[in-house]
Amino acid sequence: MALRLVNSMTRKVLTSLMPPPRQLTERACNDPQRMRARKIEAAILAKMPPKAWLSCTAVSRLIEAADDRRTRARLDRLVRDGKMERRLERGIHGPVYLFRIFRTKSFAVRSRSE
């Protein structure tokens, strides 16, 4: 009984000193799929016009991507991160999501001489 108590106390001390194990869902930060995804997101942010609402197909043509599905996934992630905004409209064939770069509030700068 005493040995079991010592082992459990030792285990608690050792686990508190060790860093927590990496979660199963967490992936390496240098895997090629993730690096390619961040590259596509950077291209989307760089080439998007500032005030225009574009559909997923228009954005994929803008960045010259062959696949709309991957572009849609990247746009959804940018919306989730707060870098873009999305709205739903009615298109010819049904509902269509439109995307644009998230507008930040611009403040007028006045000089002291006024």
PDB file of N, CA and C in Angstrom:
ATOM      1  N   MET A   1       0.820  -1.194   0.000  1.00  0.00           N
ATOM      2  CA  MET A   1       0.000   0.000   0.000  1.00  0.00           C
ATOM      3  C   MET A   1       0.863   1.257   0.000  1.00  0.00           C
ATOM      4  N   ALA A   2       1.884   1.252   0.836  1.00  0.00           N
ATOM      5  CA  ALA A   2       2.767   2.413   0.918  1.00  0.00           C
ATOM      6  C   ALA A   2       3.536   2.594  -0.382  1.00  0.00           C
ATOM      7  N   LEU A   3       3.930   1.487  -1.016  1.00  0.00           N
ATOM      8  CA  LEU A   3       4.649   1.562  -2.287  1.00  0.00           C
ATOM      9  C   LEU A   3       3.763   2.149  -3.379  1.00  0.00           C
ATOM     10  N   ARG A   4       2.512   1.760  -3.381  1.00  0.00           N
ATOM     11  CA  ARG A   4       1.571   2.282  -4.367  1.00  0.00           C
ATOM     12  C   ARG A   4       1.366   3.783  -4.155  1.00  0.00           C
ATOM     13  N   LEU A   5       1.299   4.232  -2.905  1.00  0.00           N
ATOM     14  CA  LEU A   5       1.130   5.654  -2.591  1.00  0.00           C
ATOM     15  C   LEU A   5       2.346   6.447  -3.045  1.00  0.00           C
ATOM     16  N   VAL A   6       3.537   5.916  -2.825  1.00  0.00           N
ATOM     17  CA  VAL A   6       4.764   6.593  -3.242  1.00  0.00           C
ATOM     18  C   VAL A   6       4.826   6.675  -4.756  1.00  0.00           C
ATOM     19  N   ASN A   7       4.489   5.600  -5.425  1.00  0.00           N
ATOM     20  CA  ASN A   7       4.514   5.609  -6.898  1.00  0.00           C
ATOM     21  C   ASN A   7       3.531   6.620  -7.467  1.00  0.00           C
ATOM     22  N   SER A   8       2.335   6.721  -6.890  1.00  0.00           N
ATOM     23  CA  SER A   8       1.363   7.686  -7.400  1.00  0.00           C
ATOM     24  C   SER A   8       1.818   9.117  -7.121  1.00  0.00           C
ATOM     25  N   MET A   9       2.444   9.355  -5.968  1.00  0.00           N
ATOM     26  CA  MET A   9       2.945  10.692  -5.668  1.00  0.00           C
ATOM     27  C   MET A   9       4.105  11.045  -6.580  1.00  0.00           C
ATOM     28  N   THR A  10       4.989  10.087  -6.846  1.00  0.00           N
ATOM     29  CA  THR A  10       6.123  10.323  -7.744  1.00  0.00           C
ATOM     30  C   THR A  10       5.624  10.627  -9.149  1.00  0.00           C
ATOM     31  N   ARG A  11       4.624   9.885  -9.595  1.00  0.00           N
ATOM     32  CA  ARG A  11       4.066  10.094 -10.930  1.00  0.00           C
ATOM     33  C   ARG A  11       3.463  11.493 -11.043  1.00  0.00           C
ATOM     34  N   LYS A  12       2.768  11.945 -10.009  1.00  0.00           N
ATOM     35  CA  LYS A  12       2.159  13.275 -10.029  1.00  0.00           C
ATOM     36  C   LYS A  12       3.230  14.361 -10.107  1.00  0.00           C
ATOM     37  N   VAL A  13       4.300  14.190  -9.360  1.00  0.00           N
ATOM     38  CA  VAL A  13       5.380  15.176  -9.369  1.00  0.00           C
ATOM     39  C   VAL A  13       6.049  15.210 -10.734  1.00  0.00           C
ATOM     40  N   LEU A  14       6.335  14.025 -11.286  1.00  0.00           N
ATOM     41  CA  LEU A  14       7.004  13.976 -12.588  1.00  0.00           C
ATOM     42  C   LEU A  14       6.129  14.536 -13.699  1.00  0.00           C
ATOM     43  N   THR A  15       4.845  14.217 -13.682  1.00  0.00           N
ATOM     44  CA  THR A  15       3.972  14.733 -14.741  1.00  0.00           C
ATOM     45  C   THR A  15       3.757  16.228 -14.617  1.00  0.00           C
ATOM     46  N   SER A  16       3.840  16.785 -13.418  1.00  0.00           N
ATOM     47  CA  SER A  16       3.685  18.227 -13.280  1.00  0.00           C
ATOM     48  C   SER A  16       4.927  18.963 -13.771  1.00  0.00           C
ATOM     49  N   LEU A  17       6.092  18.313 -13.746  1.00  0.00           N
ATOM     50  CA  LEU A  17       7.324  18.952 -14.213  1.00  0.00           C
ATOM     51  C   LEU A  17       7.516  18.827 -15.712  1.00  0.00           C
ATOM     52  N   MET A  18       6.936  17.798 -16.310  1.00  0.00           N
ATOM     53  CA  MET A  18       7.090  17.562 -17.747  1.00  0.00           C
ATOM     54  C   MET A  18       6.145  18.466 -18.531  1.00  0.00           C
ATOM     55  N   PRO A  19       6.538  18.882 -19.718  1.00  0.00           N
ATOM     56  CA  PRO A  19       5.612  19.673 -20.539  1.00  0.00           C
ATOM     57  C   PRO A  19       4.444  18.789 -20.973  1.00  0.00           C
ATOM     58  N   PRO A  20       3.279  19.386 -21.196  1.00  0.00           N
ATOM     59  CA  PRO A  20       2.119  18.575 -21.588  1.00  0.00           C
ATOM     60  C   PRO A  20       2.350  17.947 -22.970  1.00  0.00           C
ATOM     61  N   PRO A  21       1.869  16.736 -23.186  1.00  0.00           N
ATOM     62  CA  PRO A  21       2.059  16.095 -24.487  1.00  0.00           C
ATOM     63  C   PRO A  21       1.262  16.821 -25.558  1.00  0.00           C
ATOM     64  N   ARG A  22       1.752  16.744 -26.776  1.00  0.00           N
ATOM     65  CA  ARG A  22       1.079  17.401 -27.893  1.00  0.00           C
ATOM     66  C   ARG A  22      -0.248  16.710 -28.153  1.00  0.00           C
ATOM     67  N   GLN A  23      -1.271  17.482 -28.409  1.00  0.00           N
ATOM     68  CA  GLN A  23      -2.590  16.921 -28.654  1.00  0.00           C
ATOM     69  C   GLN A  23      -2.571  16.114 -29.945  1.00  0.00           C
ATOM     70  N   LEU A  24      -3.494  15.182 -30.056  1.00  0.00           N
ATOM     71  CA  LEU A  24      -3.557  14.349 -31.248  1.00  0.00           C
ATOM     72  C   LEU A  24      -3.952  15.148 -32.483  1.00  0.00           C
ATOM     73  N   THR A  25      -4.763  16.194 -32.296  1.00  0.00           N
ATOM     74  CA  THR A  25      -5.208  16.979 -33.445  1.00  0.00           C
ATOM     75  C   THR A  25      -4.175  18.006 -33.883  1.00  0.00           C
ATOM     76  N   GLU A  26      -3.215  18.298 -33.042  1.00  0.00           N
ATOM     77  CA  GLU A  26      -2.199  19.293 -33.372  1.00  0.00           C
ATOM     78  C   GLU A  26      -1.193  18.675 -34.337  1.00  0.00           C
ATOM     79  N   ARG A  27      -0.823  19.427 -35.359  1.00  0.00           N
ATOM     80  CA  ARG A  27       0.111  18.908 -36.348  1.00  0.00           C
ATOM     81  C   ARG A  27       1.386  19.726 -36.336  1.00  0.00           C
ATOM     82  N   ALA A  28       2.375  19.213 -37.014  1.00  0.00           N
ATOM     83  CA  ALA A  28       3.637  19.934 -37.109  1.00  0.00           C
ATOM     84  C   ALA A  28       3.412  21.234 -37.879  1.00  0.00           C
ATOM     85  N   CYS A  29       4.154  22.278 -37.522  1.00  0.00           N
ATOM     86  CA  CYS A  29       3.937  23.575 -38.164  1.00  0.00           C
ATOM     87  C   CYS A  29       4.686  23.701 -39.484  1.00  0.00           C
ATOM     88  N   ASN A  30       5.452  22.693 -39.852  1.00  0.00           N
ATOM     89  CA  ASN A  30       6.200  22.793 -41.103  1.00  0.00           C
ATOM     90  C   ASN A  30       5.781  21.729 -42.114  1.00  0.00           C
ATOM     91  N   ASP A  31       4.573  21.181 -41.974  1.00  0.00           N
ATOM     92  CA  ASP A  31       4.143  20.192 -42.953  1.00  0.00           C
ATOM     93  C   ASP A  31       3.780  20.895 -44.259  1.00  0.00           C
ATOM     94  N   PRO A  32       3.987  20.248 -45.402  1.00  0.00           N
ATOM     95  CA  PRO A  32       3.812  20.917 -46.698  1.00  0.00           C
ATOM     96  C   PRO A  32       2.386  21.384 -46.964  1.00  0.00           C
ATOM     97  N   GLN A  33       1.388  20.636 -46.502  1.00  0.00           N
ATOM     98  CA  GLN A  33       0.007  21.043 -46.754  1.00  0.00           C
ATOM     99  C   GLN A  33      -0.311  22.355 -46.046  1.00  0.00           C
ATOM    100  N   ARG A  34       0.144  22.482 -44.818  1.00  0.00           N
ATOM    101  CA  ARG A  34      -0.118  23.703 -44.062  1.00  0.00           C
ATOM    102  C   ARG A  34       0.645  24.885 -44.656  1.00  0.00           C
ATOM    103  N   MET A  35       1.873  24.663 -45.083  1.00  0.00           N
ATOM    104  CA  MET A  35       2.659  25.746 -45.687  1.00  0.00           C
ATOM    105  C   MET A  35       2.006  26.202 -46.996  1.00  0.00           C
ATOM    106  N   ARG A  36       1.489  25.259 -47.775  1.00  0.00           N
ATOM    107  CA  ARG A  36       0.814  25.605 -49.026  1.00  0.00           C
ATOM    108  C   ARG A  36      -0.477  26.378 -48.734  1.00  0.00           C
ATOM    109  N   ALA A  37      -1.189  25.984 -47.698  1.00  0.00           N
ATOM    110  CA  ALA A  37      -2.425  26.676 -47.336  1.00  0.00           C
ATOM    111  C   ALA A  37      -2.149  28.117 -46.919  1.00  0.00           C
ATOM    112  N   ARG A  38      -1.101  28.339 -46.113  1.00  0.00           N
ATOM    113  CA  ARG A  38      -0.769  29.708 -45.699  1.00  0.00           C
ATOM    114  C   ARG A  38      -0.324  30.542 -46.905  1.00  0.00           C
ATOM    115  N   LYS A  39       0.336  29.910 -47.871  1.00  0.00           N
ATOM    116  CA  LYS A  39       0.768  30.616 -49.081  1.00  0.00           C
ATOM    117  C   LYS A  39      -0.450  31.051 -49.898  1.00  0.00           C
ATOM    118  N   ILE A  40      -1.453  30.194 -49.996  1.00  0.00           N
ATOM    119  CA  ILE A  40      -2.678  30.541 -50.720  1.00  0.00           C
ATOM    120  C   ILE A  40      -3.413  31.664 -49.997  1.00  0.00           C
ATOM    121  N   GLU A  41      -3.463  31.605 -48.678  1.00  0.00           N
ATOM    122  CA  GLU A  41      -4.119  32.669 -47.916  1.00  0.00           C
ATOM    123  C   GLU A  41      -3.419  34.005 -48.112  1.00  0.00           C
ATOM    124  N   ALA A  42      -2.102  33.988 -48.144  1.00  0.00           N
ATOM    125  CA  ALA A  42      -1.349  35.229 -48.380  1.00  0.00           C
ATOM    126  C   ALA A  42      -1.637  35.774 -49.773  1.00  0.00           C
ATOM    127  N   ALA A  43      -1.749  34.888 -50.764  1.00  0.00           N
ATOM    128  CA  ALA A  43      -2.059  35.326 -52.128  1.00  0.00           C
ATOM    129  C   ALA A  43      -3.458  35.929 -52.195  1.00  0.00           C
ATOM    130  N   ILE A  44      -4.399  35.335 -51.491  1.00  0.00           N
ATOM    131  CA  ILE A  44      -5.765  35.871 -51.472  1.00  0.00           C
ATOM    132  C   ILE A  44      -5.768  37.273 -50.878  1.00  0.00           C
ATOM    133  N   LEU A  45      -5.104  37.447 -49.735  1.00  0.00           N
ATOM    134  CA  LEU A  45      -5.089  38.766 -49.091  1.00  0.00           C
ATOM    135  C   LEU A  45      -4.348  39.801 -49.928  1.00  0.00           C
ATOM    136  N   ALA A  46      -3.323  39.365 -50.644  1.00  0.00           N
ATOM    137  CA  ALA A  46      -2.550  40.311 -51.450  1.00  0.00           C
ATOM    138  C   ALA A  46      -3.297  40.753 -52.708  1.00  0.00           C
ATOM    139  N   LYS A  47      -4.078  39.866 -53.305  1.00  0.00           N
ATOM    140  CA  LYS A  47      -4.704  40.177 -54.596  1.00  0.00           C
ATOM    141  C   LYS A  47      -6.153  40.627 -54.504  1.00  0.00           C
ATOM    142  N   MET A  48      -6.758  40.557 -53.326  1.00  0.00           N
ATOM    143  CA  MET A  48      -8.169  40.957 -53.203  1.00  0.00           C
ATOM    144  C   MET A  48      -8.308  42.470 -53.305  1.00  0.00           C
ATOM    145  N   PRO A  49      -9.253  42.943 -54.110  1.00  0.00           N
ATOM    146  CA  PRO A  49      -9.513  44.387 -54.131  1.00  0.00           C
ATOM    147  C   PRO A  49     -10.125  44.819 -52.799  1.00  0.00           C
ATOM    148  N   PRO A  50      -9.856  46.046 -52.354  1.00  0.00           N
ATOM    149  CA  PRO A  50     -10.224  46.436 -50.989  1.00  0.00           C
ATOM    150  C   PRO A  50     -11.715  46.498 -50.685  1.00  0.00           C
ATOM    151  N   LYS A  51     -12.556  46.947 -51.585  1.00  0.00           N
ATOM    152  CA  LYS A  51     -13.962  47.159 -51.238  1.00  0.00           C
ATOM    153  C   LYS A  51     -14.926  46.294 -52.039  1.00  0.00           C
ATOM    154  N   ALA A  52     -14.440  45.392 -52.863  1.00  0.00           N
ATOM    155  CA  ALA A  52     -15.311  44.595 -53.721  1.00  0.00           C
ATOM    156  C   ALA A  52     -15.688  43.278 -53.062  1.00  0.00           C
ATOM    157  N   TRP A  53     -16.949  42.888 -53.225  1.00  0.00           N
ATOM    158  CA  TRP A  53     -17.426  41.583 -52.771  1.00  0.00           C
ATOM    159  C   TRP A  53     -17.227  40.597 -53.909  1.00  0.00           C
ATOM    160  N   LEU A  54     -16.506  39.510 -53.669  1.00  0.00           N
ATOM    161  CA  LEU A  54     -16.235  38.510 -54.705  1.00  0.00           C
ATOM    162  C   LEU A  54     -16.724  37.142 -54.254  1.00  0.00           C
ATOM    163  N   SER A  55     -17.184  36.356 -55.222  1.00  0.00           N
ATOM    164  CA  SER A  55     -17.578  34.984 -54.916  1.00  0.00           C
ATOM    165  C   SER A  55     -16.332  34.111 -54.826  1.00  0.00           C
ATOM    166  N   CYS A  56     -16.524  32.899 -54.374  1.00  0.00           N
ATOM    167  CA  CYS A  56     -15.403  31.969 -54.239  1.00  0.00           C
ATOM    168  C   CYS A  56     -14.777  31.682 -55.609  1.00  0.00           C
ATOM    169  N   THR A  57     -15.615  31.528 -56.625  1.00  0.00           N
ATOM    170  CA  THR A  57     -15.108  31.269 -57.971  1.00  0.00           C
ATOM    171  C   THR A  57     -14.294  32.447 -58.484  1.00  0.00           C
ATOM    172  N   ALA A  58     -14.757  33.661 -58.220  1.00  0.00           N
ATOM    173  CA  ALA A  58     -14.023  34.845 -58.663  1.00  0.00           C
ATOM    174  C   ALA A  58     -12.681  34.953 -57.944  1.00  0.00           C
ATOM    175  N   VAL A  59     -12.645  34.622 -56.661  1.00  0.00           N
ATOM    176  CA  VAL A  59     -11.388  34.674 -55.907  1.00  0.00           C
ATOM    177  C   VAL A  59     -10.420  33.619 -56.426  1.00  0.00           C
ATOM    178  N   SER A  60     -10.919  32.411 -56.718  1.00  0.00           N
ATOM    179  CA  SER A  60     -10.024  31.365 -57.224  1.00  0.00           C
ATOM    180  C   SER A  60      -9.482  31.728 -58.596  1.00  0.00           C
ATOM    181  N   ARG A  61     -10.280  32.410 -59.413  1.00  0.00           N
ATOM    182  CA  ARG A  61      -9.757  32.884 -60.706  1.00  0.00           C
ATOM    183  C   ARG A  61      -8.751  34.014 -60.509  1.00  0.00           C
ATOM    184  N   LEU A  62      -8.998  34.846 -59.497  1.00  0.00           N
ATOM    185  CA  LEU A  62      -8.099  35.959 -59.211  1.00  0.00           C
ATOM    186  C   LEU A  62      -6.710  35.466 -58.808  1.00  0.00           C
ATOM    187  N   ILE A  63      -6.659  34.418 -57.998  1.00  0.00           N
ATOM    188  CA  ILE A  63      -5.363  33.893 -57.558  1.00  0.00           C
ATOM    189  C   ILE A  63      -4.860  32.780 -58.473  1.00  0.00           C
ATOM    190  N   GLU A  64      -5.604  32.516 -59.548  1.00  0.00           N
ATOM    191  CA  GLU A  64      -5.240  31.523 -60.563  1.00  0.00           C
ATOM    192  C   GLU A  64      -5.105  30.125 -59.968  1.00  0.00           C
ATOM    193  N   ALA A  65      -6.081  29.759 -59.130  1.00  0.00           N
ATOM    194  CA  ALA A  65      -6.109  28.420 -58.544  1.00  0.00           C
ATOM    195  C   ALA A  65      -6.988  27.518 -59.400  1.00  0.00           C
ATOM    196  N   ALA A  66      -6.629  26.255 -59.463  1.00  0.00           N
ATOM    197  CA  ALA A  66      -7.370  25.321 -60.291  1.00  0.00           C
ATOM    198  C   ALA A  66      -8.603  24.774 -59.589  1.00  0.00           C
ATOM    199  N   ASP A  67      -8.628  24.800 -58.264  1.00  0.00           N
ATOM    200  CA  ASP A  67      -9.689  24.136 -57.515  1.00  0.00           C
ATOM    201  C   ASP A  67     -10.435  25.119 -56.621  1.00  0.00           C
ATOM    202  N   ASP A  68     -11.766  25.191 -56.793  1.00  0.00           N
ATOM    203  CA  ASP A  68     -12.585  26.089 -55.978  1.00  0.00           C
ATOM    204  C   ASP A  68     -12.720  25.607 -54.538  1.00  0.00           C
ATOM    205  N   ARG A  69     -12.711  24.287 -54.330  1.00  0.00           N
ATOM    206  CA  ARG A  69     -12.949  23.746 -52.989  1.00  0.00           C
ATOM    207  C   ARG A  69     -11.848  24.159 -52.013  1.00  0.00           C
ATOM    208  N   ARG A  70     -10.615  24.118 -52.468  1.00  0.00           N
ATOM    209  CA  ARG A  70      -9.512  24.528 -51.587  1.00  0.00           C
ATOM    210  C   ARG A  70      -9.561  26.019 -51.315  1.00  0.00           C
ATOM    211  N   THR A  71      -9.935  26.777 -52.327  1.00  0.00           N
ATOM    212  CA  THR A  71     -10.061  28.220 -52.133  1.00  0.00           C
ATOM    213  C   THR A  71     -11.163  28.516 -51.126  1.00  0.00           C
ATOM    214  N   ARG A  72     -12.260  27.796 -51.200  1.00  0.00           N
ATOM    215  CA  ARG A  72     -13.362  27.998 -50.248  1.00  0.00           C
ATOM    216  C   ARG A  72     -12.906  27.698 -48.823  1.00  0.00           C
ATOM    217  N   ALA A  73     -12.110  26.650 -48.660  1.00  0.00           N
ATOM    218  CA  ALA A  73     -11.594  26.325 -47.328  1.00  0.00           C
ATOM    219  C   ALA A  73     -10.688  27.433 -46.808  1.00  0.00           C
ATOM    220  N   ARG A  74      -9.856  27.994 -47.667  1.00  0.00           N
ATOM    221  CA  ARG A  74      -8.966  29.075 -47.251  1.00  0.00           C
ATOM    222  C   ARG A  74      -9.768  30.332 -46.915  1.00  0.00           C
ATOM    223  N   LEU A  75     -10.812  30.635 -47.713  1.00  0.00           N
ATOM    224  CA  LEU A  75     -11.644  31.799 -47.429  1.00  0.00           C
ATOM    225  C   LEU A  75     -12.377  31.634 -46.097  1.00  0.00           C
ATOM    226  N   ASP A  76     -12.872  30.438 -45.836  1.00  0.00           N
ATOM    227  CA  ASP A  76     -13.549  30.187 -44.561  1.00  0.00           C
ATOM    228  C   ASP A  76     -12.597  30.378 -43.387  1.00  0.00           C
ATOM    229  N   ARG A  77     -11.359  29.953 -43.545  1.00  0.00           N
ATOM    230  CA  ARG A  77     -10.387  30.140 -42.461  1.00  0.00           C
ATOM    231  C   ARG A  77     -10.072  31.627 -42.245  1.00  0.00           C
ATOM    232  N   LEU A  78      -9.942  32.387 -43.334  1.00  0.00           N
ATOM    233  CA  LEU A  78      -9.687  33.821 -43.197  1.00  0.00           C
ATOM    234  C   LEU A  78     -10.863  34.529 -42.526  1.00  0.00           C
ATOM    235  N   VAL A  79     -12.082  34.084 -42.812  1.00  0.00           N
ATOM    236  CA  VAL A  79     -13.260  34.647 -42.148  1.00  0.00           C
ATOM    237  C   VAL A  79     -13.218  34.306 -40.663  1.00  0.00           C
ATOM    238  N   ARG A  80     -12.886  33.067 -40.347  1.00  0.00           N
ATOM    239  CA  ARG A  80     -12.822  32.628 -38.951  1.00  0.00           C
ATOM    240  C   ARG A  80     -11.744  33.382 -38.178  1.00  0.00           C
ATOM    241  N   ASP A  81     -10.639  33.731 -38.861  1.00  0.00           N
ATOM    242  CA  ASP A  81      -9.557  34.481 -38.214  1.00  0.00           C
ATOM    243  C   ASP A  81      -9.840  35.976 -38.124  1.00  0.00           C
ATOM    244  N   GLY A  82     -10.906  36.442 -38.772  1.00  0.00           N
ATOM    245  CA  GLY A  82     -11.273  37.854 -38.706  1.00  0.00           C
ATOM    246  C   GLY A  82     -10.565  38.725 -39.718  1.00  0.00           C
ATOM    247  N   LYS A  83      -9.962  38.144 -40.734  1.00  0.00           N
ATOM    248  CA  LYS A  83      -9.251  38.922 -41.749  1.00  0.00           C
ATOM    249  C   LYS A  83     -10.144  39.254 -42.944  1.00  0.00           C
ATOM    250  N   MET A  84     -11.261  38.540 -43.084  1.00  0.00           N
ATOM    251  CA  MET A  84     -12.203  38.793 -44.170  1.00  0.00           C
ATOM    252  C   MET A  84     -13.605  38.736 -43.593  1.00  0.00           C
ATOM    253  N   GLU A  85     -14.548  39.271 -44.358  1.00  0.00           N
ATOM    254  CA  GLU A  85     -15.942  39.155 -43.971  1.00  0.00           C
ATOM    255  C   GLU A  85     -16.721  38.450 -45.072  1.00  0.00           C
ATOM    256  N   ARG A  86     -17.851  37.832 -44.674  1.00  0.00           N
ATOM    257  CA  ARG A  86     -18.635  37.029 -45.613  1.00  0.00           C
ATOM    258  C   ARG A  86     -20.097  37.407 -45.474  1.00  0.00           C
ATOM    259  N   ARG A  87     -20.794  37.403 -46.602  1.00  0.00           N
ATOM    260  CA  ARG A  87     -22.237  37.605 -46.559  1.00  0.00           C
ATOM    261  C   ARG A  87     -22.896  36.637 -47.536  1.00  0.00           C
ATOM    262  N   LEU A  88     -24.145  36.332 -47.257  1.00  0.00           N
ATOM    263  CA  LEU A  88     -24.893  35.384 -48.063  1.00  0.00           C
ATOM    264  C   LEU A  88     -25.891  36.140 -48.921  1.00  0.00           C
ATOM    265  N   GLU A  89     -25.866  35.857 -50.224  1.00  0.00           N
ATOM    266  CA  GLU A  89     -26.818  36.476 -51.145  1.00  0.00           C
ATOM    267  C   GLU A  89     -27.467  35.400 -51.993  1.00  0.00           C
ATOM    268  N   ARG A  90     -28.513  35.773 -52.671  1.00  0.00           N
ATOM    269  CA  ARG A  90     -29.229  34.857 -53.546  1.00  0.00           C
ATOM    270  C   ARG A  90     -28.660  34.983 -54.947  1.00  0.00           C
ATOM    271  N   GLY A  91     -28.124  33.874 -55.476  1.00  0.00           N
ATOM    272  CA  GLY A  91     -27.591  33.852 -56.825  1.00  0.00           C
ATOM    273  C   GLY A  91     -28.572  33.240 -57.803  1.00  0.00           C
ATOM    274  N   ILE A  92     -28.157  33.044 -59.030  1.00  0.00           N
ATOM    275  CA  ILE A  92     -29.015  32.467 -60.065  1.00  0.00           C
ATOM    276  C   ILE A  92     -29.386  31.023 -59.715  1.00  0.00           C
ATOM    277  N   HIS A  93     -28.413  30.265 -59.241  1.00  0.00           N
ATOM    278  CA  HIS A  93     -28.630  28.848 -58.948  1.00  0.00           C
ATOM    279  C   HIS A  93     -28.834  28.545 -57.473  1.00  0.00           C
ATOM    280  N   GLY A  94     -28.953  29.555 -56.651  1.00  0.00           N
ATOM    281  CA  GLY A  94     -29.153  29.324 -55.221  1.00  0.00           C
ATOM    282  C   GLY A  94     -28.327  30.295 -54.401  1.00  0.00           C
ATOM    283  N   PRO A  95     -28.159  29.999 -53.116  1.00  0.00           N
ATOM    284  CA  PRO A  95     -27.402  30.914 -52.251  1.00  0.00           C
ATOM    285  C   PRO A  95     -25.924  30.962 -52.615  1.00  0.00           C
ATOM    286  N   VAL A  96     -25.337  32.163 -52.495  1.00  0.00           N
ATOM    287  CA  VAL A  96     -23.932  32.388 -52.844  1.00  0.00           C
ATOM    288  C   VAL A  96     -23.285  33.176 -51.710  1.00  0.00           C
ATOM    289  N   TYR A  97     -22.123  32.721 -51.290  1.00  0.00           N
ATOM    290  CA  TYR A  97     -21.340  33.474 -50.309  1.00  0.00           C
ATOM    291  C   TYR A  97     -20.429  34.438 -51.049  1.00  0.00           C
ATOM    292  N   LEU A  98     -20.405  35.667 -50.570  1.00  0.00           N
ATOM    293  CA  LEU A  98     -19.505  36.679 -51.118  1.00  0.00           C
ATOM    294  C   LEU A  98     -18.515  37.075 -50.028  1.00  0.00           C
ATOM    295  N   PHE A  99     -17.286  37.320 -50.445  1.00  0.00           N
ATOM    296  CA  PHE A  99     -16.205  37.610 -49.504  1.00  0.00           C
ATOM    297  C   PHE A  99     -15.552  38.937 -49.855  1.00  0.00           C
ATOM    298  N   ARG A 100     -15.049  39.621 -48.834  1.00  0.00           N
ATOM    299  CA  ARG A 100     -14.204  40.796 -49.046  1.00  0.00           C
ATOM    300  C   ARG A 100     -13.286  40.949 -47.850  1.00  0.00           C
ATOM    301  N   ILE A 101     -12.239  41.735 -48.056  1.00  0.00           N
ATOM    302  CA  ILE A 101     -11.280  41.985 -46.983  1.00  0.00           C
ATOM    303  C   ILE A 101     -11.978  42.771 -45.889  1.00  0.00           C
ATOM    304  N   PHE A 102     -11.729  42.377 -44.655  1.00  0.00           N
ATOM    305  CA  PHE A 102     -12.361  43.027 -43.517  1.00  0.00           C
ATOM    306  C   PHE A 102     -11.924  44.466 -43.441  1.00  0.00           C
ATOM    307  N   ARG A 103     -12.902  45.367 -43.421  1.00  0.00           N
ATOM    308  CA  ARG A 103     -12.586  46.797 -43.357  1.00  0.00           C
ATOM    309  C   ARG A 103     -12.328  47.205 -41.929  1.00  0.00           C
ATOM    310  N   THR A 104     -11.221  47.882 -41.712  1.00  0.00           N
ATOM    311  CA  THR A 104     -10.952  48.444 -40.392  1.00  0.00           C
ATOM    312  C   THR A 104     -11.452  49.880 -40.387  1.00  0.00           C
ATOM    313  N   LYS A 105     -11.807  50.353 -39.232  1.00  0.00           N
ATOM    314  CA  LYS A 105     -12.301  51.721 -39.130  1.00  0.00           C
ATOM    315  C   LYS A 105     -11.155  52.684 -39.396  1.00  0.00           C
ATOM    316  N   SER A 106     -11.372  53.584 -40.326  1.00  0.00           N
ATOM    317  CA  SER A 106     -10.346  54.579 -40.611  1.00  0.00           C
ATOM    318  C   SER A 106     -10.733  55.878 -39.910  1.00  0.00           C
ATOM    319  N   PHE A 107      -9.790  56.437 -39.250  1.00  0.00           N
ATOM    320  CA  PHE A 107     -10.029  57.665 -38.512  1.00  0.00           C
ATOM    321  C   PHE A 107      -9.399  58.826 -39.269  1.00  0.00           C
ATOM    322  N   ALA A 108     -10.126  59.925 -39.313  1.00  0.00           N
ATOM    323  CA  ALA A 108      -9.601  61.122 -39.974  1.00  0.00           C
ATOM    324  C   ALA A 108      -8.513  61.739 -39.088  1.00  0.00           C
ATOM    325  N   VAL A 109      -7.416  62.084 -39.708  1.00  0.00           N
ATOM    326  CA  VAL A 109      -6.317  62.691 -38.980  1.00  0.00           C
ATOM    327  C   VAL A 109      -6.362  64.183 -39.239  1.00  0.00           C
ATOM    328  N   ARG A 110      -6.456  64.948 -38.159  1.00  0.00           N
ATOM    329  CA  ARG A 110      -6.470  66.396 -38.314  1.00  0.00           C
ATOM    330  C   ARG A 110      -5.190  66.952 -37.753  1.00  0.00           C
ATOM    331  N   SER A 111      -4.688  67.987 -38.363  1.00  0.00           N
ATOM    332  CA  SER A 111      -3.453  68.599 -37.880  1.00  0.00           C
ATOM    333  C   SER A 111      -3.765  69.572 -36.755  1.00  0.00           C
ATOM    334  N   ARG A 112      -2.776  69.916 -35.987  1.00  0.00           N
ATOM    335  CA  ARG A 112      -2.935  70.823 -34.851  1.00  0.00           C
ATOM    336  C   ARG A 112      -3.161  72.265 -35.285  1.00  0.00           C
ATOM    337  N   SER A 113      -2.760  72.611 -36.497  1.00  0.00           N
ATOM    338  CA  SER A 113      -2.841  74.005 -36.941  1.00  0.00           C
ATOM    339  C   SER A 113      -4.268  74.434 -37.252  1.00  0.00           C
ATOM    340  N   GLU A 114      -5.202  73.486 -37.372  1.00  0.00           N
ATOM    341  CA  GLU A 114      -6.566  73.844 -37.720  1.00  0.00           C
ATOM    342  C   GLU A 114      -7.316  74.456 -36.560  1.00  0.00           C
TER     343      GLU A 114
END
